[in-house]
Amino acid sequence: MTADLELDCRGLFCPRPVIELAQRIGEVEVGQTVAVASTDAAAAYDIPAWCRMRGQEYVGTEPDNDGVPRYLVRRVS
């Protein structure tokens, strides 16, 4: 899936990927998506939980070209 904003959080550990997402989601319009590429295993739990707490839509996970998980979030508010 093509995202409107790509965040490269490879090598960053909890809670940095979620902090990066929280700080930068405002850069996209409502309805657009942010992809967070993260090597931190905790991101698989933290990003969906952040979406639930902040009222954003967790779209899912897919591998990036190098196999690193990309967590996809749609801005809804």
PDB file of N, CA and C in Angstrom:
ATOM      1  N   MET A   1       0.843  -1.181   0.000  1.00  0.00           N
ATOM      2  CA  MET A   1       0.000   0.000   0.000  1.00  0.00           C
ATOM      3  C   MET A   1       0.887   1.244   0.000  1.00  0.00           C
ATOM      4  N   THR A   2       0.524   2.194  -0.784  1.00  0.00           N
ATOM      5  CA  THR A   2       1.244   3.461  -0.821  1.00  0.00           C
ATOM      6  C   THR A   2       0.717   4.352   0.288  1.00  0.00           C
ATOM      7  N   ALA A   3       1.616   4.900   1.080  1.00  0.00           N
ATOM      8  CA  ALA A   3       1.233   5.792   2.170  1.00  0.00           C
ATOM      9  C   ALA A   3       1.541   7.233   1.775  1.00  0.00           C
ATOM     10  N   ASP A   4       0.822   8.145   2.387  1.00  0.00           N
ATOM     11  CA  ASP A   4       1.039   9.564   2.123  1.00  0.00           C
ATOM     12  C   ASP A   4       2.250  10.108   2.869  1.00  0.00           C
ATOM     13  N   LEU A   5       2.621   9.425   3.959  1.00  0.00           N
ATOM     14  CA  LEU A   5       3.803   9.796   4.736  1.00  0.00           C
ATOM     15  C   LEU A   5       4.486   8.524   5.198  1.00  0.00           C
ATOM     16  N   GLU A   6       5.773   8.411   4.934  1.00  0.00           N
ATOM     17  CA  GLU A   6       6.563   7.244   5.346  1.00  0.00           C
ATOM     18  C   GLU A   6       7.488   7.659   6.487  1.00  0.00           C
ATOM     19  N   LEU A   7       7.419   6.925   7.599  1.00  0.00           N
ATOM     20  CA  LEU A   7       8.311   7.175   8.728  1.00  0.00           C
ATOM     21  C   LEU A   7       9.271   6.003   8.854  1.00  0.00           C
ATOM     22  N   ASP A   8      10.543   6.270   8.771  1.00  0.00           N
ATOM     23  CA  ASP A   8      11.559   5.230   8.913  1.00  0.00           C
ATOM     24  C   ASP A   8      12.030   5.207  10.361  1.00  0.00           C
ATOM     25  N   CYS A   9      11.495   4.263  11.108  1.00  0.00           N
ATOM     26  CA  CYS A   9      11.835   4.143  12.534  1.00  0.00           C
ATOM     27  C   CYS A   9      12.683   2.904  12.791  1.00  0.00           C
ATOM     28  N   ARG A  10      13.377   2.425  11.760  1.00  0.00           N
ATOM     29  CA  ARG A  10      14.270   1.283  11.932  1.00  0.00           C
ATOM     30  C   ARG A  10      15.349   1.642  12.959  1.00  0.00           C
ATOM     31  N   GLY A  11      15.590   0.724  13.893  1.00  0.00           N
ATOM     32  CA  GLY A  11      16.620   0.942  14.887  1.00  0.00           C
ATOM     33  C   GLY A  11      16.171   1.749  16.097  1.00  0.00           C
ATOM     34  N   LEU A  12      14.954   2.277  16.078  1.00  0.00           N
ATOM     35  CA  LEU A  12      14.433   3.018  17.226  1.00  0.00           C
ATOM     36  C   LEU A  12      13.648   2.061  18.117  1.00  0.00           C
ATOM     37  N   PHE A  13      13.831   2.186  19.416  1.00  0.00           N
ATOM     38  CA  PHE A  13      13.173   1.282  20.354  1.00  0.00           C
ATOM     39  C   PHE A  13      12.030   1.987  21.074  1.00  0.00           C
ATOM     40  N   CYS A  14      11.134   1.183  21.598  1.00  0.00           N
ATOM     41  CA  CYS A  14       9.961   1.636  22.337  1.00  0.00           C
ATOM     42  C   CYS A  14      10.375   2.702  23.350  1.00  0.00           C
ATOM     43  N   PRO A  15       9.681   3.797  23.358  1.00  0.00           N
ATOM     44  CA  PRO A  15       8.449   4.153  22.666  1.00  0.00           C
ATOM     45  C   PRO A  15       8.659   5.049  21.447  1.00  0.00           C
ATOM     46  N   ARG A  16       9.872   5.154  20.936  1.00  0.00           N
ATOM     47  CA  ARG A  16      10.182   6.113  19.864  1.00  0.00           C
ATOM     48  C   ARG A  16       9.314   5.976  18.614  1.00  0.00           C
ATOM     49  N   PRO A  17       9.023   4.753  18.077  1.00  0.00           N
ATOM     50  CA  PRO A  17       8.170   4.696  16.885  1.00  0.00           C
ATOM     51  C   PRO A  17       6.799   5.340  17.104  1.00  0.00           C
ATOM     52  N   VAL A  18       6.199   5.106  18.267  1.00  0.00           N
ATOM     53  CA  VAL A  18       4.892   5.697  18.559  1.00  0.00           C
ATOM     54  C   VAL A  18       5.021   7.206  18.742  1.00  0.00           C
ATOM     55  N   ILE A  19       6.086   7.645  19.370  1.00  0.00           N
ATOM     56  CA  ILE A  19       6.303   9.089  19.540  1.00  0.00           C
ATOM     57  C   ILE A  19       6.441   9.757  18.175  1.00  0.00           C
ATOM     58  N   GLU A  20       7.206   9.147  17.278  1.00  0.00           N
ATOM     59  CA  GLU A  20       7.353   9.702  15.920  1.00  0.00           C
ATOM     60  C   GLU A  20       6.002   9.782  15.219  1.00  0.00           C
ATOM     61  N   LEU A  21       5.205   8.722  15.323  1.00  0.00           N
ATOM     62  CA  LEU A  21       3.868   8.714  14.719  1.00  0.00           C
ATOM     63  C   LEU A  21       3.013   9.825  15.311  1.00  0.00           C
ATOM     64  N   ALA A  22       2.997   9.941  16.630  1.00  0.00           N
ATOM     65  CA  ALA A  22       2.177  10.959  17.291  1.00  0.00           C
ATOM     66  C   ALA A  22       2.589  12.375  16.888  1.00  0.00           C
ATOM     67  N   GLN A  23       3.887  12.601  16.762  1.00  0.00           N
ATOM     68  CA  GLN A  23       4.379  13.932  16.418  1.00  0.00           C
ATOM     69  C   GLN A  23       4.118  14.292  14.963  1.00  0.00           C
ATOM     70  N   ARG A  24       4.018  13.287  14.098  1.00  0.00           N
ATOM     71  CA  ARG A  24       3.986  13.603  12.665  1.00  0.00           C
ATOM     72  C   ARG A  24       2.660  13.315  11.970  1.00  0.00           C
ATOM     73  N   ILE A  25       1.705  12.673  12.646  1.00  0.00           N
ATOM     74  CA  ILE A  25       0.443  12.340  11.976  1.00  0.00           C
ATOM     75  C   ILE A  25      -0.292  13.593  11.506  1.00  0.00           C
ATOM     76  N   GLY A  26      -0.068  14.701  12.170  1.00  0.00           N
ATOM     77  CA  GLY A  26      -0.694  15.959  11.768  1.00  0.00           C
ATOM     78  C   GLY A  26      -0.203  16.496  10.437  1.00  0.00           C
ATOM     79  N   GLU A  27       0.842  15.895   9.887  1.00  0.00           N
ATOM     80  CA  GLU A  27       1.367  16.327   8.588  1.00  0.00           C
ATOM     81  C   GLU A  27       0.528  15.815   7.417  1.00  0.00           C
ATOM     82  N   VAL A  28      -0.368  14.860   7.678  1.00  0.00           N
ATOM     83  CA  VAL A  28      -1.234  14.352   6.617  1.00  0.00           C
ATOM     84  C   VAL A  28      -2.659  14.811   6.860  1.00  0.00           C
ATOM     85  N   GLU A  29      -3.440  14.867   5.799  1.00  0.00           N
ATOM     86  CA  GLU A  29      -4.840  15.269   5.892  1.00  0.00           C
ATOM     87  C   GLU A  29      -5.677  14.113   6.432  1.00  0.00           C
ATOM     88  N   VAL A  30      -6.836  14.441   6.989  1.00  0.00           N
ATOM     89  CA  VAL A  30      -7.780  13.414   7.415  1.00  0.00           C
ATOM     90  C   VAL A  30      -8.099  12.525   6.208  1.00  0.00           C
ATOM     91  N   GLY A  31      -8.047  11.212   6.419  1.00  0.00           N
ATOM     92  CA  GLY A  31      -8.281  10.243   5.343  1.00  0.00           C
ATOM     93  C   GLY A  31      -7.003   9.721   4.709  1.00  0.00           C
ATOM     94  N   GLN A  32      -5.895  10.400   4.940  1.00  0.00           N
ATOM     95  CA  GLN A  32      -4.616   9.947   4.395  1.00  0.00           C
ATOM     96  C   GLN A  32      -3.942   8.981   5.365  1.00  0.00           C
ATOM     97  N   THR A  33      -2.895   8.308   4.867  1.00  0.00           N
ATOM     98  CA  THR A  33      -2.242   7.275   5.667  1.00  0.00           C
ATOM     99  C   THR A  33      -0.787   7.600   5.960  1.00  0.00           C
ATOM    100  N   VAL A  34      -0.348   7.045   7.094  1.00  0.00           N
ATOM    101  CA  VAL A  34       1.043   7.125   7.529  1.00  0.00           C
ATOM    102  C   VAL A  34       1.541   5.690   7.653  1.00  0.00           C
ATOM    103  N   ALA A  35       2.731   5.414   7.141  1.00  0.00           N
ATOM    104  CA  ALA A  35       3.371   4.111   7.298  1.00  0.00           C
ATOM    105  C   ALA A  35       4.569   4.276   8.215  1.00  0.00           C
ATOM    106  N   VAL A  36       4.657   3.398   9.207  1.00  0.00           N
ATOM    107  CA  VAL A  36       5.765   3.421  10.153  1.00  0.00           C
ATOM    108  C   VAL A  36       6.552   2.126   9.974  1.00  0.00           C
ATOM    109  N   ALA A  37       7.752   2.217   9.408  1.00  0.00           N
ATOM    110  CA  ALA A  37       8.625   1.046   9.273  1.00  0.00           C
ATOM    111  C   ALA A  37       9.438   0.941  10.552  1.00  0.00           C
ATOM    112  N   SER A  38       9.301  -0.204  11.243  1.00  0.00           N
ATOM    113  CA  SER A  38       9.960  -0.332  12.546  1.00  0.00           C
ATOM    114  C   SER A  38      10.502  -1.737  12.757  1.00  0.00           C
ATOM    115  N   THR A  39      11.731  -1.794  13.260  1.00  0.00           N
ATOM    116  CA  THR A  39      12.357  -3.065  13.622  1.00  0.00           C
ATOM    117  C   THR A  39      12.072  -3.438  15.065  1.00  0.00           C
ATOM    118  N   ASP A  40      11.427  -2.568  15.814  1.00  0.00           N
ATOM    119  CA  ASP A  40      11.115  -2.824  17.221  1.00  0.00           C
ATOM    120  C   ASP A  40       9.885  -3.719  17.318  1.00  0.00           C
ATOM    121  N   ALA A  41      10.036  -4.892  17.941  1.00  0.00           N
ATOM    122  CA  ALA A  41       8.934  -5.845  18.063  1.00  0.00           C
ATOM    123  C   ALA A  41       7.748  -5.261  18.826  1.00  0.00           C
ATOM    124  N   ALA A  42       8.007  -4.350  19.755  1.00  0.00           N
ATOM    125  CA  ALA A  42       6.925  -3.750  20.538  1.00  0.00           C
ATOM    126  C   ALA A  42       5.991  -2.899  19.678  1.00  0.00           C
ATOM    127  N   ALA A  43       6.450  -2.433  18.538  1.00  0.00           N
ATOM    128  CA  ALA A  43       5.618  -1.606  17.664  1.00  0.00           C
ATOM    129  C   ALA A  43       4.375  -2.356  17.204  1.00  0.00           C
ATOM    130  N   ALA A  44       4.455  -3.674  17.101  1.00  0.00           N
ATOM    131  CA  ALA A  44       3.310  -4.484  16.678  1.00  0.00           C
ATOM    132  C   ALA A  44       2.146  -4.354  17.653  1.00  0.00           C
ATOM    133  N   TYR A  45       2.428  -4.049  18.909  1.00  0.00           N
ATOM    134  CA  TYR A  45       1.399  -3.856  19.928  1.00  0.00           C
ATOM    135  C   TYR A  45       1.148  -2.376  20.181  1.00  0.00           C
ATOM    136  N   ASP A  46       2.221  -1.611  20.193  1.00  0.00           N
ATOM    137  CA  ASP A  46       2.121  -0.199  20.562  1.00  0.00           C
ATOM    138  C   ASP A  46       1.349   0.636  19.544  1.00  0.00           C
ATOM    139  N   ILE A  47       1.588   0.419  18.263  1.00  0.00           N
ATOM    140  CA  ILE A  47       0.936   1.254  17.251  1.00  0.00           C
ATOM    141  C   ILE A  47      -0.567   0.995  17.194  1.00  0.00           C
ATOM    142  N   PRO A  48      -1.034  -0.265  17.153  1.00  0.00           N
ATOM    143  CA  PRO A  48      -2.487  -0.466  17.199  1.00  0.00           C
ATOM    144  C   PRO A  48      -3.113   0.085  18.490  1.00  0.00           C
ATOM    145  N   ALA A  49      -2.428  -0.066  19.631  1.00  0.00           N
ATOM    146  CA  ALA A  49      -2.950   0.462  20.894  1.00  0.00           C
ATOM    147  C   ALA A  49      -3.033   1.984  20.848  1.00  0.00           C
ATOM    148  N   TRP A  50      -2.025   2.629  20.286  1.00  0.00           N
ATOM    149  CA  TRP A  50      -2.037   4.090  20.167  1.00  0.00           C
ATOM    150  C   TRP A  50      -3.221   4.518  19.306  1.00  0.00           C
ATOM    151  N   CYS A  51      -3.470   3.799  18.217  1.00  0.00           N
ATOM    152  CA  CYS A  51      -4.604   4.127  17.341  1.00  0.00           C
ATOM    153  C   CYS A  51      -5.926   4.041  18.101  1.00  0.00           C
ATOM    154  N   ARG A  52      -6.106   2.993  18.889  1.00  0.00           N
ATOM    155  CA  ARG A  52      -7.343   2.852  19.678  1.00  0.00           C
ATOM    156  C   ARG A  52      -7.485   4.002  20.675  1.00  0.00           C
ATOM    157  N   MET A  53      -6.403   4.353  21.338  1.00  0.00           N
ATOM    158  CA  MET A  53      -6.456   5.408  22.356  1.00  0.00           C
ATOM    159  C   MET A  53      -6.659   6.790  21.744  1.00  0.00           C
ATOM    160  N   ARG A  54      -6.151   7.006  20.545  1.00  0.00           N
ATOM    161  CA  ARG A  54      -6.202   8.328  19.909  1.00  0.00           C
ATOM    162  C   ARG A  54      -7.291   8.455  18.849  1.00  0.00           C
ATOM    163  N   GLY A  55      -8.076   7.390  18.634  1.00  0.00           N
ATOM    164  CA  GLY A  55      -9.179   7.463  17.687  1.00  0.00           C
ATOM    165  C   GLY A  55      -8.753   7.481  16.238  1.00  0.00           C
ATOM    166  N   GLN A  56      -7.602   6.893  15.940  1.00  0.00           N
ATOM    167  CA  GLN A  56      -7.133   6.783  14.558  1.00  0.00           C
ATOM    168  C   GLN A  56      -7.368   5.342  14.081  1.00  0.00           C
ATOM    169  N   GLU A  57      -7.325   5.111  12.793  1.00  0.00           N
ATOM    170  CA  GLU A  57      -7.598   3.781  12.243  1.00  0.00           C
ATOM    171  C   GLU A  57      -6.306   3.023  11.965  1.00  0.00           C
ATOM    172  N   TYR A  58      -6.162   1.885  12.620  1.00  0.00           N
ATOM    173  CA  TYR A  58      -5.036   0.998  12.318  1.00  0.00           C
ATOM    174  C   TYR A  58      -5.445   0.168  11.111  1.00  0.00           C
ATOM    175  N   VAL A  59      -4.751   0.348  10.002  1.00  0.00           N
ATOM    176  CA  VAL A  59      -5.104  -0.310   8.750  1.00  0.00           C
ATOM    177  C   VAL A  59      -4.536  -1.728   8.692  1.00  0.00           C
ATOM    178  N   GLY A  60      -3.318  -1.910   9.201  1.00  0.00           N
ATOM    179  CA  GLY A  60      -2.697  -3.229   9.202  1.00  0.00           C
ATOM    180  C   GLY A  60      -1.198  -3.135   9.054  1.00  0.00           C
ATOM    181  N   THR A  61      -0.614  -4.294   8.834  1.00  0.00           N
ATOM    182  CA  THR A  61       0.838  -4.402   8.713  1.00  0.00           C
ATOM    183  C   THR A  61       1.175  -5.094   7.412  1.00  0.00           C
ATOM    184  N   GLU A  62       2.244  -4.628   6.779  1.00  0.00           N
ATOM    185  CA  GLU A  62       2.768  -5.291   5.586  1.00  0.00           C
ATOM    186  C   GLU A  62       4.283  -5.134   5.597  1.00  0.00           C
ATOM    187  N   PRO A  63       4.987  -6.046   4.950  1.00  0.00           N
ATOM    188  CA  PRO A  63       6.443  -5.911   4.917  1.00  0.00           C
ATOM    189  C   PRO A  63       6.893  -4.826   3.942  1.00  0.00           C
ATOM    190  N   ASP A  64       7.920  -4.096   4.327  1.00  0.00           N
ATOM    191  CA  ASP A  64       8.547  -3.138   3.419  1.00  0.00           C
ATOM    192  C   ASP A  64       9.409  -3.929   2.435  1.00  0.00           C
ATOM    193  N   ASN A  65      10.028  -3.269   1.502  1.00  0.00           N
ATOM    194  CA  ASN A  65      10.852  -3.940   0.490  1.00  0.00           C
ATOM    195  C   ASN A  65      11.962  -4.788   1.094  1.00  0.00           C
ATOM    196  N   ASP A  66      12.461  -4.371   2.270  1.00  0.00           N
ATOM    197  CA  ASP A  66      13.546  -5.119   2.915  1.00  0.00           C
ATOM    198  C   ASP A  66      13.034  -6.111   3.958  1.00  0.00           C
ATOM    199  N   GLY A  67      11.717  -6.291   4.036  1.00  0.00           N
ATOM    200  CA  GLY A  67      11.126  -7.245   4.963  1.00  0.00           C
ATOM    201  C   GLY A  67      10.771  -6.677   6.320  1.00  0.00           C
ATOM    202  N   VAL A  68      11.158  -5.441   6.603  1.00  0.00           N
ATOM    203  CA  VAL A  68      10.836  -4.798   7.882  1.00  0.00           C
ATOM    204  C   VAL A  68       9.334  -4.494   7.894  1.00  0.00           C
ATOM    205  N   PRO A  69       8.657  -4.765   9.010  1.00  0.00           N
ATOM    206  CA  PRO A  69       7.217  -4.469   9.080  1.00  0.00           C
ATOM    207  C   PRO A  69       6.928  -2.978   8.920  1.00  0.00           C
ATOM    208  N   ARG A  70       5.875  -2.709   8.147  1.00  0.00           N
ATOM    209  CA  ARG A  70       5.335  -1.351   7.963  1.00  0.00           C
ATOM    210  C   ARG A  70       3.956  -1.342   8.582  1.00  0.00           C
ATOM    211  N   TYR A  71       3.755  -0.486   9.567  1.00  0.00           N
ATOM    212  CA  TYR A  71       2.476  -0.364  10.256  1.00  0.00           C
ATOM    213  C   TYR A  71       1.727   0.802   9.647  1.00  0.00           C
ATOM    214  N   LEU A  72       0.524   0.545   9.158  1.00  0.00           N
ATOM    215  CA  LEU A  72      -0.232   1.540   8.403  1.00  0.00           C
ATOM    216  C   LEU A  72      -1.357   2.118   9.252  1.00  0.00           C
ATOM    217  N   VAL A  73      -1.398   3.440   9.293  1.00  0.00           N
ATOM    218  CA  VAL A  73      -2.379   4.162  10.099  1.00  0.00           C
ATOM    219  C   VAL A  73      -3.079   5.190   9.222  1.00  0.00           C
ATOM    220  N   ARG A  74      -4.420   5.200   9.278  1.00  0.00           N
ATOM    221  CA  ARG A  74      -5.191   6.222   8.551  1.00  0.00           C
ATOM    222  C   ARG A  74      -5.638   7.284   9.558  1.00  0.00           C
ATOM    223  N   ARG A  75      -5.379   8.526   9.223  1.00  0.00           N
ATOM    224  CA  ARG A  75      -5.813   9.630  10.082  1.00  0.00           C
ATOM    225  C   ARG A  75      -7.313   9.831   9.889  1.00  0.00           C
ATOM    226  N   VAL A  76      -8.051   9.770  10.982  1.00  0.00           N
ATOM    227  CA  VAL A  76      -9.499   9.963  10.905  1.00  0.00           C
ATOM    228  C   VAL A  76      -9.966  11.210  11.651  1.00  0.00           C
ATOM    229  N   SER A  77      -9.075  11.837  12.378  1.00  0.00           N
ATOM    230  CA  SER A  77      -9.463  13.085  13.058  1.00  0.00           C
ATOM    231  C   SER A  77      -8.240  13.980  13.219  1.00  0.00           C
TER     232      SER A  77
END
